[in-house]
PDB file of all heavy atoms in Angstrom:
ATOM      1  N   LEU A   1      -6.444  -8.260  19.284  1.00  0.00           N
ATOM      2  CA  LEU A   1      -6.602  -7.353  20.381  1.00  0.00           C
ATOM      3  C   LEU A   1      -7.964  -6.621  20.235  1.00  0.00           C
ATOM      4  O   LEU A   1      -8.241  -6.040  19.168  1.00  0.00           O
ATOM      5  CB  LEU A   1      -5.477  -6.312  20.421  1.00  0.00           C
ATOM      6  CG  LEU A   1      -5.576  -5.212  21.332  1.00  0.00           C
ATOM      7  CD1 LEU A   1      -5.551  -5.732  22.813  1.00  0.00           C
ATOM      8  CD2 LEU A   1      -4.514  -4.151  21.147  1.00  0.00           C
ATOM      9  N   TRP A   2      -8.716  -6.566  21.386  1.00  0.00           N
ATOM     10  CA  TRP A   2      -9.945  -5.751  21.460  1.00  0.00           C
ATOM     11  C   TRP A   2      -9.764  -4.846  22.690  1.00  0.00           C
ATOM     12  O   TRP A   2      -9.271  -5.227  23.714  1.00  0.00           O
ATOM     13  CB  TRP A   2     -11.129  -6.664  21.709  1.00  0.00           C
ATOM     14  CG  TRP A   2     -11.563  -7.558  20.667  1.00  0.00           C
ATOM     15  CD1 TRP A   2     -12.541  -7.288  19.713  1.00  0.00           C
ATOM     16  CD2 TRP A   2     -11.081  -8.865  20.402  1.00  0.00           C
ATOM     17  NE1 TRP A   2     -12.618  -8.389  18.905  1.00  0.00           N
ATOM     18  CE2 TRP A   2     -11.769  -9.410  19.264  1.00  0.00           C
ATOM     19  CE3 TRP A   2     -10.097  -9.694  21.010  1.00  0.00           C
ATOM     20  CZ2 TRP A   2     -11.505 -10.645  18.718  1.00  0.00           C
ATOM     21  CZ3 TRP A   2      -9.864 -10.942  20.449  1.00  0.00           C
ATOM     22  CH2 TRP A   2     -10.555 -11.355  19.340  1.00  0.00           C
ATOM     23  N   VAL A   3     -10.221  -3.616  22.519  1.00  0.00           N
ATOM     24  CA  VAL A   3     -10.288  -2.635  23.575  1.00  0.00           C
ATOM     25  C   VAL A   3     -11.808  -2.188  23.547  1.00  0.00           C
ATOM     26  O   VAL A   3     -12.290  -1.685  22.513  1.00  0.00           O
ATOM     27  CB  VAL A   3      -9.431  -1.473  23.399  1.00  0.00           C
ATOM     28  CG1 VAL A   3      -9.621  -0.422  24.503  1.00  0.00           C
ATOM     29  CG2 VAL A   3      -7.932  -1.913  23.375  1.00  0.00           C
ATOM     30  N   GLY A   4     -12.517  -2.405  24.666  1.00  0.00           N
ATOM     31  CA  GLY A   4     -13.935  -2.201  24.619  1.00  0.00           C
ATOM     32  C   GLY A   4     -14.497  -3.219  23.626  1.00  0.00           C
ATOM     33  O   GLY A   4     -14.137  -4.384  23.636  1.00  0.00           O
ATOM     34  N   ASP A   5     -15.425  -2.811  22.814  1.00  0.00           N
ATOM     35  CA  ASP A   5     -16.024  -3.676  21.796  1.00  0.00           C
ATOM     36  C   ASP A   5     -15.320  -3.496  20.455  1.00  0.00           C
ATOM     37  O   ASP A   5     -15.750  -4.072  19.461  1.00  0.00           O
ATOM     38  CB  ASP A   5     -17.499  -3.327  21.593  1.00  0.00           C
ATOM     39  CG  ASP A   5     -18.274  -3.661  22.857  1.00  0.00           C
ATOM     40  OD1 ASP A   5     -17.910  -4.595  23.577  1.00  0.00           O
ATOM     41  OD2 ASP A   5     -19.296  -2.909  23.165  1.00  0.00           O
ATOM     42  N   GLN A   6     -14.232  -2.740  20.384  1.00  0.00           N
ATOM     43  CA  GLN A   6     -13.590  -2.518  19.071  1.00  0.00           C
ATOM     44  C   GLN A   6     -12.306  -3.412  18.940  1.00  0.00           C
ATOM     45  O   GLN A   6     -11.389  -3.392  19.750  1.00  0.00           O
ATOM     46  CB  GLN A   6     -13.128  -1.034  18.969  1.00  0.00           C
ATOM     47  CG  GLN A   6     -12.573  -0.655  17.680  1.00  0.00           C
ATOM     48  CD  GLN A   6     -12.306   0.822  17.596  1.00  0.00           C
ATOM     49  OE1 GLN A   6     -12.851   1.656  18.293  1.00  0.00           O
ATOM     50  NE2 GLN A   6     -11.452   1.168  16.645  1.00  0.00           N
ATOM     51  N   GLN A   7     -12.292  -4.157  17.848  1.00  0.00           N
ATOM     52  CA  GLN A   7     -11.056  -4.924  17.520  1.00  0.00           C
ATOM     53  C   GLN A   7     -10.062  -4.077  16.846  1.00  0.00           C
ATOM     54  O   GLN A   7     -10.365  -3.523  15.821  1.00  0.00           O
ATOM     55  CB  GLN A   7     -11.457  -6.173  16.665  1.00  0.00           C
ATOM     56  CG  GLN A   7     -10.278  -7.094  16.499  1.00  0.00           C
ATOM     57  CD  GLN A   7     -10.620  -8.370  15.794  1.00  0.00           C
ATOM     58  OE1 GLN A   7     -11.660  -8.489  15.123  1.00  0.00           O
ATOM     59  NE2 GLN A   7      -9.763  -9.367  15.915  1.00  0.00           N
ATOM     60  N   LEU A   8      -8.844  -4.009  17.406  1.00  0.00           N
ATOM     61  CA  LEU A   8      -7.831  -3.151  16.880  1.00  0.00           C
ATOM     62  C   LEU A   8      -6.780  -3.938  16.114  1.00  0.00           C
ATOM     63  O   LEU A   8      -6.158  -3.358  15.226  1.00  0.00           O
ATOM     64  CB  LEU A   8      -7.104  -2.396  18.073  1.00  0.00           C
ATOM     65  CG  LEU A   8      -8.047  -1.487  18.894  1.00  0.00           C
ATOM     66  CD1 LEU A   8      -7.195  -0.911  20.040  1.00  0.00           C
ATOM     67  CD2 LEU A   8      -8.644  -0.482  18.042  1.00  0.00           C
ATOM     68  N   VAL A   9      -6.547  -5.209  16.489  1.00  0.00           N
ATOM     69  CA  VAL A   9      -5.563  -6.033  15.793  1.00  0.00           C
ATOM     70  C   VAL A   9      -6.228  -7.405  15.466  1.00  0.00           C
ATOM     71  O   VAL A   9      -6.893  -7.969  16.305  1.00  0.00           O
ATOM     72  CB  VAL A   9      -4.306  -6.264  16.671  1.00  0.00           C
ATOM     73  CG1 VAL A   9      -3.366  -7.206  16.011  1.00  0.00           C
ATOM     74  CG2 VAL A   9      -3.587  -4.937  16.982  1.00  0.00           C
ATOM     75  N   ASP A  10      -5.996  -7.860  14.196  1.00  0.00           N
ATOM     76  CA  ASP A  10      -6.487  -9.207  13.761  1.00  0.00           C
ATOM     77  C   ASP A  10      -5.464  -9.750  12.904  1.00  0.00           C
ATOM     78  O   ASP A  10      -5.536  -9.554  11.663  1.00  0.00           O
ATOM     79  CB  ASP A  10      -7.871  -9.007  13.102  1.00  0.00           C
ATOM     80  CG  ASP A  10      -8.398 -10.433  12.816  1.00  0.00           C
ATOM     81  OD1 ASP A  10      -7.886 -11.475  13.226  1.00  0.00           O
ATOM     82  OD2 ASP A  10      -9.449 -10.506  12.038  1.00  0.00           O
ATOM     83  N   ARG A  11      -4.494 -10.441  13.463  1.00  0.00           N
ATOM     84  CA  ARG A  11      -3.344 -11.005  12.670  1.00  0.00           C
ATOM     85  C   ARG A  11      -3.194 -12.443  13.211  1.00  0.00           C
ATOM     86  O   ARG A  11      -2.248 -12.698  13.955  1.00  0.00           O
ATOM     87  CB  ARG A  11      -2.145 -10.148  12.810  1.00  0.00           C
ATOM     88  CG  ARG A  11      -1.006 -10.632  11.871  1.00  0.00           C
ATOM     89  CD  ARG A  11       0.212  -9.708  12.009  1.00  0.00           C
ATOM     90  NE  ARG A  11       1.295 -10.138  11.192  1.00  0.00           N
ATOM     91  CZ  ARG A  11       1.514  -9.681   9.976  1.00  0.00           C
ATOM     92  NH1 ARG A  11       0.780  -8.744   9.431  1.00  0.00           N
ATOM     93  NH2 ARG A  11       2.481 -10.137   9.231  1.00  0.00           N
ATOM     94  N   TRP A  12      -4.069 -13.344  12.837  1.00  0.00           N
ATOM     95  CA  TRP A  12      -4.118 -14.719  13.405  1.00  0.00           C
ATOM     96  C   TRP A  12      -3.521 -15.659  12.416  1.00  0.00           C
ATOM     97  O   TRP A  12      -4.225 -16.513  11.879  1.00  0.00           O
ATOM     98  CB  TRP A  12      -5.547 -15.063  13.736  1.00  0.00           C
ATOM     99  CG  TRP A  12      -5.665 -16.164  14.726  1.00  0.00           C
ATOM    100  CD1 TRP A  12      -5.948 -17.483  14.487  1.00  0.00           C
ATOM    101  CD2 TRP A  12      -5.331 -16.075  16.109  1.00  0.00           C
ATOM    102  NE1 TRP A  12      -5.896 -18.237  15.664  1.00  0.00           N
ATOM    103  CE2 TRP A  12      -5.542 -17.406  16.693  1.00  0.00           C
ATOM    104  CE3 TRP A  12      -4.931 -15.032  17.002  1.00  0.00           C
ATOM    105  CZ2 TRP A  12      -5.307 -17.636  18.011  1.00  0.00           C
ATOM    106  CZ3 TRP A  12      -4.703 -15.392  18.300  1.00  0.00           C
ATOM    107  CH2 TRP A  12      -4.956 -16.646  18.826  1.00  0.00           C
ATOM    108  N   TYR A  13      -2.221 -15.590  12.212  1.00  0.00           N
ATOM    109  CA  TYR A  13      -1.544 -16.561  11.370  1.00  0.00           C
ATOM    110  C   TYR A  13      -0.116 -16.569  11.754  1.00  0.00           C
ATOM    111  O   TYR A  13       0.417 -15.596  12.274  1.00  0.00           O
ATOM    112  CB  TYR A  13      -1.812 -16.447   9.865  1.00  0.00           C
ATOM    113  CG  TYR A  13      -1.489 -14.980   9.392  1.00  0.00           C
ATOM    114  CD1 TYR A  13      -0.254 -14.622   9.051  1.00  0.00           C
ATOM    115  CD2 TYR A  13      -2.543 -14.038   9.407  1.00  0.00           C
ATOM    116  CE1 TYR A  13       0.024 -13.276   8.682  1.00  0.00           C
ATOM    117  CE2 TYR A  13      -2.324 -12.710   8.968  1.00  0.00           C
ATOM    118  CZ  TYR A  13      -1.022 -12.361   8.573  1.00  0.00           C
ATOM    119  OH  TYR A  13      -0.733 -11.076   8.128  1.00  0.00           O
ATOM    120  N   THR A  14       0.587 -17.699  11.427  1.00  0.00           N
ATOM    121  CA  THR A  14       1.986 -17.851  11.731  1.00  0.00           C
ATOM    122  C   THR A  14       2.823 -16.886  10.809  1.00  0.00           C
ATOM    123  O   THR A  14       2.536 -16.836   9.660  1.00  0.00           O
ATOM    124  CB  THR A  14       2.413 -19.289  11.516  1.00  0.00           C
ATOM    125  OG1 THR A  14       1.598 -20.119  12.301  1.00  0.00           O
ATOM    126  CG2 THR A  14       3.884 -19.472  11.892  1.00  0.00           C
ATOM    127  N   SER A  15       3.679 -16.227  11.462  1.00  0.00           N
ATOM    128  CA  SER A  15       4.581 -15.354  10.713  1.00  0.00           C
ATOM    129  C   SER A  15       5.828 -14.971  11.504  1.00  0.00           C
ATOM    130  O   SER A  15       5.879 -15.345  12.707  1.00  0.00           O
ATOM    131  CB  SER A  15       3.893 -13.996  10.314  1.00  0.00           C
ATOM    132  OG  SER A  15       3.619 -13.270  11.512  1.00  0.00           O
ATOM    133  N   SER A  16       6.790 -14.374  10.888  1.00  0.00           N
ATOM    134  CA  SER A  16       7.915 -13.897  11.687  1.00  0.00           C
ATOM    135  C   SER A  16       7.590 -12.708  12.518  1.00  0.00           C
ATOM    136  O   SER A  16       6.477 -12.299  12.519  1.00  0.00           O
ATOM    137  CB  SER A  16       9.064 -13.566  10.636  1.00  0.00           C
ATOM    138  OG  SER A  16       8.618 -12.515   9.830  1.00  0.00           O
ATOM    139  N   VAL A  17       8.551 -12.270  13.214  1.00  0.00           N
ATOM    140  CA  VAL A  17       8.345 -11.195  14.150  1.00  0.00           C
ATOM    141  C   VAL A  17       7.758  -9.966  13.356  1.00  0.00           C
ATOM    142  O   VAL A  17       8.353  -9.527  12.360  1.00  0.00           O
ATOM    143  CB  VAL A  17       9.655 -10.709  14.862  1.00  0.00           C
ATOM    144  CG1 VAL A  17       9.429  -9.535  15.786  1.00  0.00           C
ATOM    145  CG2 VAL A  17      10.133 -11.924  15.692  1.00  0.00           C
ATOM    146  N   VAL A  18       6.624  -9.481  13.889  1.00  0.00           N
ATOM    147  CA  VAL A  18       5.984  -8.330  13.160  1.00  0.00           C
ATOM    148  C   VAL A  18       5.272  -7.474  14.204  1.00  0.00           C
ATOM    149  O   VAL A  18       4.856  -7.967  15.257  1.00  0.00           O
ATOM    150  CB  VAL A  18       4.974  -8.797  12.121  1.00  0.00           C
ATOM    151  CG1 VAL A  18       3.839  -9.545  12.751  1.00  0.00           C
ATOM    152  CG2 VAL A  18       4.457  -7.658  11.261  1.00  0.00           C
ATOM    153  N   GLU A  19       5.285  -6.171  13.987  1.00  0.00           N
ATOM    154  CA  GLU A  19       4.523  -5.238  14.882  1.00  0.00           C
ATOM    155  C   GLU A  19       3.236  -4.902  14.201  1.00  0.00           C
ATOM    156  O   GLU A  19       3.178  -4.612  13.052  1.00  0.00           O
ATOM    157  CB  GLU A  19       5.440  -4.014  15.118  1.00  0.00           C
ATOM    158  CG  GLU A  19       4.754  -2.982  16.061  1.00  0.00           C
ATOM    159  CD  GLU A  19       5.616  -1.751  16.229  1.00  0.00           C
ATOM    160  OE1 GLU A  19       6.778  -1.921  16.594  1.00  0.00           O
ATOM    161  OE2 GLU A  19       5.002  -0.670  16.178  1.00  0.00           O
ATOM    162  N   LYS A  20       2.204  -4.945  14.980  1.00  0.00           N
ATOM    163  CA  LYS A  20       0.838  -4.598  14.525  1.00  0.00           C
ATOM    164  C   LYS A  20       0.263  -3.602  15.507  1.00  0.00           C
ATOM    165  O   LYS A  20       0.439  -3.695  16.719  1.00  0.00           O
ATOM    166  CB  LYS A  20      -0.035  -5.817  14.446  1.00  0.00           C
ATOM    167  CG  LYS A  20      -1.336  -5.663  13.819  1.00  0.00           C
ATOM    168  CD  LYS A  20      -1.211  -5.320  12.333  1.00  0.00           C
ATOM    169  CE  LYS A  20      -2.590  -5.121  11.725  1.00  0.00           C
ATOM    170  NZ  LYS A  20      -2.584  -4.502  10.450  1.00  0.00           N
ATOM    171  N   SER A  21      -0.408  -2.593  14.917  1.00  0.00           N
ATOM    172  CA  SER A  21      -0.964  -1.567  15.813  1.00  0.00           C
ATOM    173  C   SER A  21      -2.314  -1.129  15.337  1.00  0.00           C
ATOM    174  O   SER A  21      -2.763  -1.443  14.218  1.00  0.00           O
ATOM    175  CB  SER A  21      -0.003  -0.321  15.882  1.00  0.00           C
ATOM    176  OG  SER A  21       0.045   0.306  14.624  1.00  0.00           O
ATOM    177  N   GLY A  22      -3.065  -0.424  16.197  1.00  0.00           N
ATOM    178  CA  GLY A  22      -4.358   0.102  15.913  1.00  0.00           C
ATOM    179  C   GLY A  22      -4.533   1.349  16.740  1.00  0.00           C
ATOM    180  O   GLY A  22      -3.684   1.696  17.580  1.00  0.00           O
ATOM    181  N   SER A  23      -5.618   2.102  16.544  1.00  0.00           N
ATOM    182  CA  SER A  23      -5.836   3.288  17.316  1.00  0.00           C
ATOM    183  C   SER A  23      -7.329   3.424  17.697  1.00  0.00           C
ATOM    184  O   SER A  23      -8.207   2.830  17.087  1.00  0.00           O
ATOM    185  CB  SER A  23      -5.424   4.542  16.498  1.00  0.00           C
ATOM    186  OG  SER A  23      -6.244   4.682  15.408  1.00  0.00           O
ATOM    187  N   ILE A  24      -7.528   4.023  18.834  1.00  0.00           N
ATOM    188  CA  ILE A  24      -8.814   4.165  19.381  1.00  0.00           C
ATOM    189  C   ILE A  24      -8.861   5.415  20.262  1.00  0.00           C
ATOM    190  O   ILE A  24      -7.836   5.755  20.912  1.00  0.00           O
ATOM    191  CB  ILE A  24      -9.253   2.931  20.234  1.00  0.00           C
ATOM    192  CG1 ILE A  24     -10.719   2.966  20.682  1.00  0.00           C
ATOM    193  CG2 ILE A  24      -8.336   2.685  21.417  1.00  0.00           C
ATOM    194  CD1 ILE A  24     -11.213   1.675  21.256  1.00  0.00           C
ATOM    195  N   ASP A  25     -10.013   6.123  20.270  1.00  0.00           N
ATOM    196  CA  ASP A  25     -10.193   7.244  21.216  1.00  0.00           C
ATOM    197  C   ASP A  25     -10.720   6.721  22.455  1.00  0.00           C
ATOM    198  O   ASP A  25     -11.720   6.014  22.515  1.00  0.00           O
ATOM    199  CB  ASP A  25     -11.138   8.261  20.621  1.00  0.00           C
ATOM    200  CG  ASP A  25     -10.575   8.999  19.362  1.00  0.00           C
ATOM    201  OD1 ASP A  25      -9.337   9.218  19.302  1.00  0.00           O
ATOM    202  OD2 ASP A  25     -11.370   9.358  18.456  1.00  0.00           O
ATOM    203  N   LEU A  26     -10.001   7.067  23.606  1.00  0.00           N
ATOM    204  CA  LEU A  26     -10.440   6.662  24.904  1.00  0.00           C
ATOM    205  C   LEU A  26     -10.712   7.892  25.787  1.00  0.00           C
ATOM    206  O   LEU A  26     -10.112   8.939  25.608  1.00  0.00           O
ATOM    207  CB  LEU A  26      -9.343   5.829  25.558  1.00  0.00           C
ATOM    208  CG  LEU A  26      -8.901   4.525  24.847  1.00  0.00           C
ATOM    209  CD1 LEU A  26      -7.781   3.913  25.566  1.00  0.00           C
ATOM    210  CD2 LEU A  26     -10.130   3.591  24.688  1.00  0.00           C
ATOM    211  N   GLU A  27     -11.634   7.736  26.773  1.00  0.00           N
ATOM    212  CA  GLU A  27     -11.953   8.771  27.676  1.00  0.00           C
ATOM    213  C   GLU A  27     -11.116   8.675  28.929  1.00  0.00           C
ATOM    214  O   GLU A  27     -11.081   7.610  29.534  1.00  0.00           O
ATOM    215  CB  GLU A  27     -13.478   8.692  28.063  1.00  0.00           C
ATOM    216  CG  GLU A  27     -13.953   9.757  28.978  1.00  0.00           C
ATOM    217  CD  GLU A  27     -15.433   9.513  29.299  1.00  0.00           C
ATOM    218  OE1 GLU A  27     -16.142   9.007  28.454  1.00  0.00           O
ATOM    219  OE2 GLU A  27     -15.832   9.943  30.421  1.00  0.00           O
ATOM    220  N   ALA A  28     -10.421   9.737  29.312  1.00  0.00           N
ATOM    221  CA  ALA A  28      -9.562   9.707  30.513  1.00  0.00           C
ATOM    222  C   ALA A  28     -10.357   9.321  31.740  1.00  0.00           C
ATOM    223  O   ALA A  28     -11.515   9.731  31.938  1.00  0.00           O
ATOM    224  CB  ALA A  28      -8.938  11.087  30.709  1.00  0.00           C
ATOM    225  N   GLY A  29      -9.779   8.488  32.504  1.00  0.00           N
ATOM    226  CA  GLY A  29     -10.358   8.063  33.835  1.00  0.00           C
ATOM    227  C   GLY A  29     -11.319   6.912  33.688  1.00  0.00           C
ATOM    228  O   GLY A  29     -11.841   6.377  34.704  1.00  0.00           O
ATOM    229  N   LYS A  30     -11.737   6.540  32.464  1.00  0.00           N
ATOM    230  CA  LYS A  30     -12.711   5.479  32.233  1.00  0.00           C
ATOM    231  C   LYS A  30     -11.962   4.111  32.038  1.00  0.00           C
ATOM    232  O   LYS A  30     -10.903   4.154  31.410  1.00  0.00           O
ATOM    233  CB  LYS A  30     -13.565   5.713  31.028  1.00  0.00           C
ATOM    234  CG  LYS A  30     -14.615   4.706  30.731  1.00  0.00           C
ATOM    235  CD  LYS A  30     -15.508   5.101  29.576  1.00  0.00           C
ATOM    236  CE  LYS A  30     -16.561   4.066  29.236  1.00  0.00           C
ATOM    237  NZ  LYS A  30     -17.321   4.420  28.066  1.00  0.00           N
ATOM    238  N   LYS A  31     -12.453   3.041  32.663  1.00  0.00           N
ATOM    239  CA  LYS A  31     -11.884   1.774  32.480  1.00  0.00           C
ATOM    240  C   LYS A  31     -12.464   1.037  31.251  1.00  0.00           C
ATOM    241  O   LYS A  31     -13.690   1.157  31.040  1.00  0.00           O
ATOM    242  CB  LYS A  31     -12.102   0.919  33.734  1.00  0.00           C
ATOM    243  CG  LYS A  31     -11.366   1.412  34.961  1.00  0.00           C
ATOM    244  CD  LYS A  31     -11.673   0.465  36.136  1.00  0.00           C
ATOM    245  CE  LYS A  31     -10.962   1.062  37.367  1.00  0.00           C
ATOM    246  NZ  LYS A  31     -11.249   0.274  38.575  1.00  0.00           N
ATOM    247  N   TYR A  32     -11.665   0.423  30.492  1.00  0.00           N
ATOM    248  CA  TYR A  32     -12.078  -0.347  29.301  1.00  0.00           C
ATOM    249  C   TYR A  32     -11.630  -1.763  29.350  1.00  0.00           C
ATOM    250  O   TYR A  32     -10.446  -2.076  29.720  1.00  0.00           O
ATOM    251  CB  TYR A  32     -11.477   0.283  28.051  1.00  0.00           C
ATOM    252  CG  TYR A  32     -11.930   1.713  27.724  1.00  0.00           C
ATOM    253  CD1 TYR A  32     -11.351   2.805  28.314  1.00  0.00           C
ATOM    254  CD2 TYR A  32     -12.995   1.919  26.890  1.00  0.00           C
ATOM    255  CE1 TYR A  32     -11.787   4.059  28.071  1.00  0.00           C
ATOM    256  CE2 TYR A  32     -13.438   3.189  26.593  1.00  0.00           C
ATOM    257  CZ  TYR A  32     -12.871   4.270  27.192  1.00  0.00           C
ATOM    258  OH  TYR A  32     -13.317   5.518  26.949  1.00  0.00           O
ATOM    259  N   PRO A  33     -12.474  -2.741  28.948  1.00  0.00           N
ATOM    260  CA  PRO A  33     -12.068  -4.113  28.935  1.00  0.00           C
ATOM    261  C   PRO A  33     -11.059  -4.297  27.814  1.00  0.00           C
ATOM    262  O   PRO A  33     -11.198  -3.711  26.708  1.00  0.00           O
ATOM    263  CB  PRO A  33     -13.344  -4.881  28.736  1.00  0.00           C
ATOM    264  CG  PRO A  33     -14.267  -3.925  28.207  1.00  0.00           C
ATOM    265  CD  PRO A  33     -13.877  -2.549  28.662  1.00  0.00           C
ATOM    266  N   ILE A  34      -9.996  -5.046  28.056  1.00  0.00           N
ATOM    267  CA  ILE A  34      -9.000  -5.442  27.096  1.00  0.00           C
ATOM    268  C   ILE A  34      -9.014  -6.922  26.945  1.00  0.00           C
ATOM    269  O   ILE A  34      -8.962  -7.671  27.942  1.00  0.00           O
ATOM    270  CB  ILE A  34      -7.591  -4.928  27.517  1.00  0.00           C
ATOM    271  CG1 ILE A  34      -7.580  -3.420  27.528  1.00  0.00           C
ATOM    272  CG2 ILE A  34      -6.561  -5.469  26.486  1.00  0.00           C
ATOM    273  CD1 ILE A  34      -6.263  -2.884  28.155  1.00  0.00           C
ATOM    274  N   LYS A  35      -9.043  -7.382  25.730  1.00  0.00           N
ATOM    275  CA  LYS A  35      -8.884  -8.844  25.438  1.00  0.00           C
ATOM    276  C   LYS A  35      -7.735  -8.991  24.430  1.00  0.00           C
ATOM    277  O   LYS A  35      -7.790  -8.425  23.341  1.00  0.00           O
ATOM    278  CB  LYS A  35     -10.182  -9.408  24.840  1.00  0.00           C
ATOM    279  CG  LYS A  35     -10.103 -10.908  24.511  1.00  0.00           C
ATOM    280  CD  LYS A  35     -11.399 -11.377  24.015  1.00  0.00           C
ATOM    281  CE  LYS A  35     -11.366 -12.855  23.617  1.00  0.00           C
ATOM    282  NZ  LYS A  35     -12.653 -13.272  23.000  1.00  0.00           N
ATOM    283  N   LEU A  36      -6.719  -9.683  24.819  1.00  0.00           N
ATOM    284  CA  LEU A  36      -5.556  -9.989  23.981  1.00  0.00           C
ATOM    285  C   LEU A  36      -5.375 -11.454  23.814  1.00  0.00           C
ATOM    286  O   LEU A  36      -5.266 -12.161  24.847  1.00  0.00           O
ATOM    287  CB  LEU A  36      -4.360  -9.304  24.607  1.00  0.00           C
ATOM    288  CG  LEU A  36      -2.974  -9.617  23.870  1.00  0.00           C
ATOM    289  CD1 LEU A  36      -3.030  -9.022  22.461  1.00  0.00           C
ATOM    290  CD2 LEU A  36      -1.840  -8.996  24.677  1.00  0.00           C
ATOM    291  N   GLU A  37      -5.399 -11.965  22.602  1.00  0.00           N
ATOM    292  CA  GLU A  37      -5.161 -13.353  22.304  1.00  0.00           C
ATOM    293  C   GLU A  37      -3.932 -13.497  21.437  1.00  0.00           C
ATOM    294  O   GLU A  37      -3.703 -12.662  20.602  1.00  0.00           O
ATOM    295  CB  GLU A  37      -6.302 -13.975  21.521  1.00  0.00           C
ATOM    296  CG  GLU A  37      -7.647 -13.989  22.239  1.00  0.00           C
ATOM    297  CD  GLU A  37      -8.788 -14.477  21.363  1.00  0.00           C
ATOM    298  OE1 GLU A  37      -8.630 -14.440  20.095  1.00  0.00           O
ATOM    299  OE2 GLU A  37      -9.783 -14.910  21.867  1.00  0.00           O
ATOM    300  N   TYR A  38      -3.093 -14.540  21.735  1.00  0.00           N
ATOM    301  CA  TYR A  38      -1.992 -14.874  20.863  1.00  0.00           C
ATOM    302  C   TYR A  38      -1.724 -16.326  20.938  1.00  0.00           C
ATOM    303  O   TYR A  38      -2.184 -16.986  21.869  1.00  0.00           O
ATOM    304  CB  TYR A  38      -0.764 -14.030  21.163  1.00  0.00           C
ATOM    305  CG  TYR A  38      -0.001 -14.379  22.448  1.00  0.00           C
ATOM    306  CD1 TYR A  38       1.093 -15.249  22.396  1.00  0.00           C
ATOM    307  CD2 TYR A  38      -0.475 -13.932  23.691  1.00  0.00           C
ATOM    308  CE1 TYR A  38       1.729 -15.582  23.572  1.00  0.00           C
ATOM    309  CE2 TYR A  38       0.135 -14.311  24.879  1.00  0.00           C
ATOM    310  CZ  TYR A  38       1.253 -15.127  24.780  1.00  0.00           C
ATOM    311  OH  TYR A  38       1.892 -15.480  25.918  1.00  0.00           O
ATOM    312  N   SER A  39      -1.062 -16.859  19.912  1.00  0.00           N
ATOM    313  CA  SER A  39      -0.728 -18.288  19.874  1.00  0.00           C
ATOM    314  C   SER A  39       0.747 -18.487  19.703  1.00  0.00           C
ATOM    315  O   SER A  39       1.413 -17.576  19.299  1.00  0.00           O
ATOM    316  CB  SER A  39      -1.536 -18.964  18.791  1.00  0.00           C
ATOM    317  OG  SER A  39      -1.057 -18.516  17.535  1.00  0.00           O
ATOM    318  N   GLU A  40       1.170 -19.603  20.071  1.00  0.00           N
ATOM    319  CA  GLU A  40       2.500 -19.994  19.819  1.00  0.00           C
ATOM    320  C   GLU A  40       2.580 -21.368  19.286  1.00  0.00           C
ATOM    321  O   GLU A  40       1.791 -22.183  19.600  1.00  0.00           O
ATOM    322  CB  GLU A  40       3.389 -19.874  21.095  1.00  0.00           C
ATOM    323  CG  GLU A  40       3.114 -20.864  22.157  1.00  0.00           C
ATOM    324  CD  GLU A  40       3.860 -22.174  22.095  1.00  0.00           C
ATOM    325  OE1 GLU A  40       4.824 -22.207  21.264  1.00  0.00           O
ATOM    326  OE2 GLU A  40       3.384 -23.165  22.657  1.00  0.00           O
ATOM    327  N   VAL A  41       3.518 -21.598  18.323  1.00  0.00           N
ATOM    328  CA  VAL A  41       3.542 -22.929  17.620  1.00  0.00           C
ATOM    329  C   VAL A  41       4.799 -23.695  18.071  1.00  0.00           C
ATOM    330  O   VAL A  41       4.805 -24.842  18.295  1.00  0.00           O
ATOM    331  CB  VAL A  41       3.525 -22.674  16.120  1.00  0.00           C
ATOM    332  CG1 VAL A  41       3.717 -24.004  15.375  1.00  0.00           C
ATOM    333  CG2 VAL A  41       2.295 -22.013  15.693  1.00  0.00           C
ATOM    334  N   ASP A  42       5.926 -22.967  18.181  1.00  0.00           N
ATOM    335  CA  ASP A  42       7.255 -23.643  18.463  1.00  0.00           C
ATOM    336  C   ASP A  42       7.852 -23.211  19.697  1.00  0.00           C
ATOM    337  O   ASP A  42       9.027 -23.474  19.949  1.00  0.00           O
ATOM    338  CB  ASP A  42       8.181 -23.372  17.254  1.00  0.00           C
ATOM    339  CG  ASP A  42       8.480 -21.926  17.113  1.00  0.00           C
ATOM    340  OD1 ASP A  42       8.026 -21.097  17.907  1.00  0.00           O
ATOM    341  OD2 ASP A  42       9.174 -21.597  16.088  1.00  0.00           O
ATOM    342  N   GLY A  43       7.096 -22.585  20.609  1.00  0.00           N
ATOM    343  CA  GLY A  43       7.626 -22.205  21.879  1.00  0.00           C
ATOM    344  C   GLY A  43       8.428 -20.901  21.932  1.00  0.00           C
ATOM    345  O   GLY A  43       8.979 -20.522  22.917  1.00  0.00           O
ATOM    346  N   GLN A  44       8.344 -20.182  20.858  1.00  0.00           N
ATOM    347  CA  GLN A  44       9.106 -18.923  20.701  1.00  0.00           C
ATOM    348  C   GLN A  44       8.218 -17.719  20.659  1.00  0.00           C
ATOM    349  O   GLN A  44       8.690 -16.649  20.201  1.00  0.00           O
ATOM    350  CB  GLN A  44       9.990 -19.003  19.451  1.00  0.00           C
ATOM    351  CG  GLN A  44      10.920 -20.125  19.417  1.00  0.00           C
ATOM    352  CD  GLN A  44      11.955 -20.050  20.570  1.00  0.00           C
ATOM    353  OE1 GLN A  44      12.538 -18.986  20.779  1.00  0.00           O
ATOM    354  NE2 GLN A  44      12.274 -21.147  21.188  1.00  0.00           N
ATOM    355  N   ALA A  45       6.971 -17.785  20.948  1.00  0.00           N
ATOM    356  CA  ALA A  45       6.016 -16.632  20.849  1.00  0.00           C
ATOM    357  C   ALA A  45       6.362 -15.540  21.805  1.00  0.00           C
ATOM    358  O   ALA A  45       6.818 -15.744  22.966  1.00  0.00           O
ATOM    359  CB  ALA A  45       4.637 -17.159  21.127  1.00  0.00           C
ATOM    360  N   ILE A  46       6.252 -14.318  21.299  1.00  0.00           N
ATOM    361  CA  ILE A  46       6.431 -13.128  22.121  1.00  0.00           C
ATOM    362  C   ILE A  46       5.217 -12.220  21.829  1.00  0.00           C
ATOM    363  O   ILE A  46       4.952 -12.048  20.638  1.00  0.00           O
ATOM    364  CB  ILE A  46       7.751 -12.422  21.726  1.00  0.00           C
ATOM    365  CG1 ILE A  46       8.949 -13.232  22.081  1.00  0.00           C
ATOM    366  CG2 ILE A  46       7.829 -11.016  22.511  1.00  0.00           C
ATOM    367  CD1 ILE A  46      10.192 -12.668  21.592  1.00  0.00           C
ATOM    368  N   CYS A  47       4.660 -11.694  22.876  1.00  0.00           N
ATOM    369  CA  CYS A  47       3.516 -10.731  22.683  1.00  0.00           C
ATOM    370  C   CYS A  47       3.716  -9.613  23.687  1.00  0.00           C
ATOM    371  O   CYS A  47       3.900  -9.830  24.882  1.00  0.00           O
ATOM    372  CB  CYS A  47       2.188 -11.465  22.914  1.00  0.00           C
ATOM    373  SG  CYS A  47       0.746 -10.400  22.509  1.00  0.00           S
TER     374      CYS A  47
END
């Protein structure tokens, strides 16, 4: 996960269900680009 130019999550490997988080300071009213990538191997992916 990237918000703006900052990568907040980088967990690119197969694993069981897990929660990953990050934090960033954002300015109210400003739009930020979000890029979210995830993969699925066995059809059971949830993001």
